[in-house]
């Protein structure tokens, strides 16, 4: 069964160069096959799919990249969707059931699915609220979770058999 696309949610793969370098090693970039698989998964569910901080390659062509938003706040500003679901391009990637569970979670200003370490794995934001209250100042705006009403969720709370990752 193919799920119906969700029109009021945009998907975004956001790579953070500094954080990715620490996690993957200096000069390393997310695996192109992983990014392609994740982008295809988001595109199958959402009308908008954004790639931020990534070189898409031929297998993920046709998505908003390059001249478009270069940060999560940029995606929030550019998107037309009510909510934006954000994932990082690292393994394991969320399966369709997990992404659907996050979109079905009771709406909050932000719902953050956390790794066992407490770091975010993926999150869904109410776009207008996050833009109005969650942006930090500075040369490059960032999203401040402490300014939002955040529901932090352990993956086990979603009740998925395999934990929701592949």
Protein backbone atom coordinates (compact mmCIF):
# COMPACT_ATOMS: atom_id res chain seq x y z
CA UNK A 1 0.00 0.00 0.00
CA UNK A 2 1.35 3.43 -0.97
CA UNK A 3 0.58 6.19 1.54
CA UNK A 4 -1.22 9.32 0.42
CA UNK A 5 0.96 12.41 0.13
CA UNK A 6 0.57 14.91 2.96
CA UNK A 7 0.06 18.40 1.56
CA UNK A 8 0.34 20.46 4.75
CA UNK A 9 3.80 19.10 5.67
CA UNK A 10 7.08 19.69 3.82
CA UNK A 11 10.06 17.39 4.19
CA UNK A 12 13.61 18.71 4.59
CA UNK A 13 16.99 17.02 4.76
CA UNK A 14 19.27 19.43 6.58
CA UNK A 15 23.01 18.84 6.71
CA UNK A 16 24.99 20.82 9.28
CA UNK A 17 28.56 20.98 7.99
CA UNK A 18 30.27 21.44 11.37
CA UNK A 19 28.20 18.79 13.14
CA UNK A 20 28.52 16.35 10.21
CA UNK A 21 32.31 16.80 10.15
CA UNK A 22 32.49 15.84 13.82
CA UNK A 23 30.21 12.85 13.37
CA UNK A 24 31.48 11.63 9.98
CA UNK A 25 35.12 12.80 10.07
CA UNK A 26 36.78 15.91 8.63
CA UNK A 27 35.91 16.48 4.99
CA UNK A 28 33.34 13.68 5.02
CA UNK A 29 29.92 14.21 3.53
CA UNK A 30 26.76 12.19 3.96
CA UNK A 31 26.60 9.09 1.78
CA UNK A 32 24.95 9.93 -1.57
CA UNK A 33 22.91 6.69 -1.56
CA UNK A 34 21.58 7.46 1.90
CA UNK A 35 20.64 11.02 0.86
CA UNK A 36 18.95 9.69 -2.30
CA UNK A 37 16.97 7.09 -0.32
CA UNK A 38 15.94 9.62 2.29
CA UNK A 39 14.97 12.21 -0.34
CA UNK A 40 12.90 9.62 -2.22
CA UNK A 41 11.16 8.66 1.02
CA UNK A 42 10.30 12.29 1.81
CA UNK A 43 9.17 12.96 -1.75
CA UNK A 44 6.83 9.98 -1.60
CA UNK A 45 5.08 11.52 1.41
CA UNK A 46 5.22 15.30 1.00
CA UNK A 47 4.50 17.81 -1.79
CA UNK A 48 7.66 19.78 -0.93
CA UNK A 49 11.08 18.24 -0.33
CA UNK A 50 14.05 20.48 0.49
CA UNK A 51 17.75 19.65 0.52
CA UNK A 52 19.86 22.00 2.62
CA UNK A 53 23.66 21.98 2.69
CA UNK A 54 23.88 19.02 0.32
CA UNK A 55 25.09 18.39 -3.20
CA UNK A 56 22.21 16.38 -4.61
CA UNK A 57 23.83 14.43 -7.44
CA UNK A 58 21.93 13.06 -10.42
CA UNK A 59 19.80 10.56 -8.47
CA UNK A 60 18.15 13.31 -6.41
CA UNK A 61 17.72 15.96 -9.09
CA UNK A 62 14.68 18.23 -9.22
CA UNK A 63 14.59 19.26 -5.58
CA UNK A 64 15.05 22.77 -4.19
CA UNK A 65 18.80 23.17 -3.70
CA UNK A 66 21.68 25.49 -4.50
CA UNK A 67 20.16 28.95 -4.92
CA UNK A 68 17.44 28.09 -2.41
CA UNK A 69 17.49 28.05 1.37
CA UNK A 70 20.83 27.28 3.01
CA UNK A 71 19.59 26.73 6.56
CA UNK A 72 16.64 25.41 8.51
CA UNK A 73 15.31 28.96 9.02
CA UNK A 74 15.64 29.43 5.25
CA UNK A 75 13.48 26.35 4.62
CA UNK A 76 10.92 27.54 7.17
CA UNK A 77 10.75 30.89 5.39
CA UNK A 78 10.60 29.43 1.86
CA UNK A 79 8.15 26.60 2.46
CA UNK A 80 4.46 26.97 1.81
CA UNK A 81 3.53 24.11 4.14
CA UNK A 82 2.00 24.55 7.61
CA UNK A 83 4.58 22.20 9.14
CA UNK A 84 8.11 21.16 8.18
CA UNK A 85 9.53 17.73 9.05
CA UNK A 86 13.32 17.84 9.26
CA UNK A 87 15.73 14.90 9.16
CA UNK A 88 19.51 14.68 9.18
CA UNK A 89 21.28 12.69 6.46
CA UNK A 90 22.72 10.05 8.78
CA UNK A 91 22.01 6.36 9.25
CA UNK A 92 19.79 4.85 10.33
CA UNK A 93 17.16 6.70 8.36
CA UNK A 94 13.54 6.90 9.50
CA UNK A 95 11.12 4.53 7.81
CA UNK A 96 7.78 5.62 6.35
CA UNK A 97 5.85 4.52 9.45
CA UNK A 98 8.00 6.70 11.72
CA UNK A 99 7.63 9.74 9.47
CA UNK A 100 3.86 9.23 9.34
CA UNK A 101 3.76 8.80 13.14
CA UNK A 102 5.52 12.15 13.57
CA UNK A 103 3.05 13.89 11.26
CA UNK A 104 0.17 12.32 13.23
CA UNK A 105 1.61 13.25 16.65
CA UNK A 106 -0.53 15.93 18.36
CA UNK A 107 0.55 19.27 16.94
CA UNK A 108 3.03 21.24 19.03
CA UNK A 109 5.31 24.09 18.08
CA UNK A 110 8.01 21.44 17.72
CA UNK A 111 8.04 17.67 18.15
CA UNK A 112 11.58 16.31 18.38
CA UNK A 113 12.37 12.61 18.11
CA UNK A 114 15.51 12.03 20.17
CA UNK A 115 18.37 9.57 19.96
CA UNK A 116 19.26 7.71 23.17
CA UNK A 117 22.00 10.36 23.65
CA UNK A 118 19.32 13.08 23.77
CA UNK A 119 20.36 14.56 20.40
CA UNK A 120 17.59 15.18 17.83
CA UNK A 121 17.09 12.53 15.15
CA UNK A 122 14.29 14.26 13.33
CA UNK A 123 11.69 16.89 14.18
CA UNK A 124 8.53 18.51 12.92
CA UNK A 125 7.91 22.23 13.35
CA UNK A 126 4.87 24.49 13.07
CA UNK A 127 6.42 26.72 10.45
CA UNK A 128 4.93 30.13 11.26
CA UNK A 129 5.39 29.78 15.02
CA UNK A 130 8.99 28.62 14.61
CA UNK A 131 9.69 31.61 12.37
CA UNK A 132 7.98 34.08 14.69
CA UNK A 133 9.41 32.89 18.01
CA UNK A 134 12.21 30.42 17.42
CA UNK A 135 14.76 32.33 15.37
CA UNK A 136 17.99 33.34 17.04
CA UNK A 137 19.78 36.49 15.89
CA UNK A 138 23.24 36.86 14.48
CA UNK A 139 24.75 36.75 11.03
CA UNK A 140 23.25 33.33 10.29
CA UNK A 141 19.85 32.85 11.93
CA UNK A 142 19.41 29.60 13.79
CA UNK A 143 16.41 27.88 15.29
CA UNK A 144 16.24 28.10 19.09
CA UNK A 145 14.28 25.19 20.51
CA UNK A 146 14.25 26.80 23.95
CA UNK A 147 11.94 29.51 22.57
CA UNK A 148 9.36 26.94 21.43
CA UNK A 149 6.91 24.62 23.15
CA UNK A 150 8.72 21.34 22.40
CA UNK A 151 7.48 17.80 22.84
CA UNK A 152 10.59 15.57 23.09
CA UNK A 153 9.73 12.01 22.07
CA UNK A 154 11.60 8.78 22.63
CA UNK A 155 11.27 6.55 19.51
CA UNK A 156 9.84 3.74 21.67
CA UNK A 157 6.81 5.97 22.43
CA UNK A 158 5.71 5.59 18.81
CA UNK A 159 5.07 1.87 19.28
CA UNK A 160 6.80 0.78 16.08
CA UNK A 161 8.05 -2.80 15.99
CA UNK A 162 11.47 -2.09 14.49
CA UNK A 163 11.89 1.27 16.24
CA UNK A 164 11.02 3.12 13.02
CA UNK A 165 14.45 3.10 11.41
CA UNK A 166 15.96 1.14 8.54
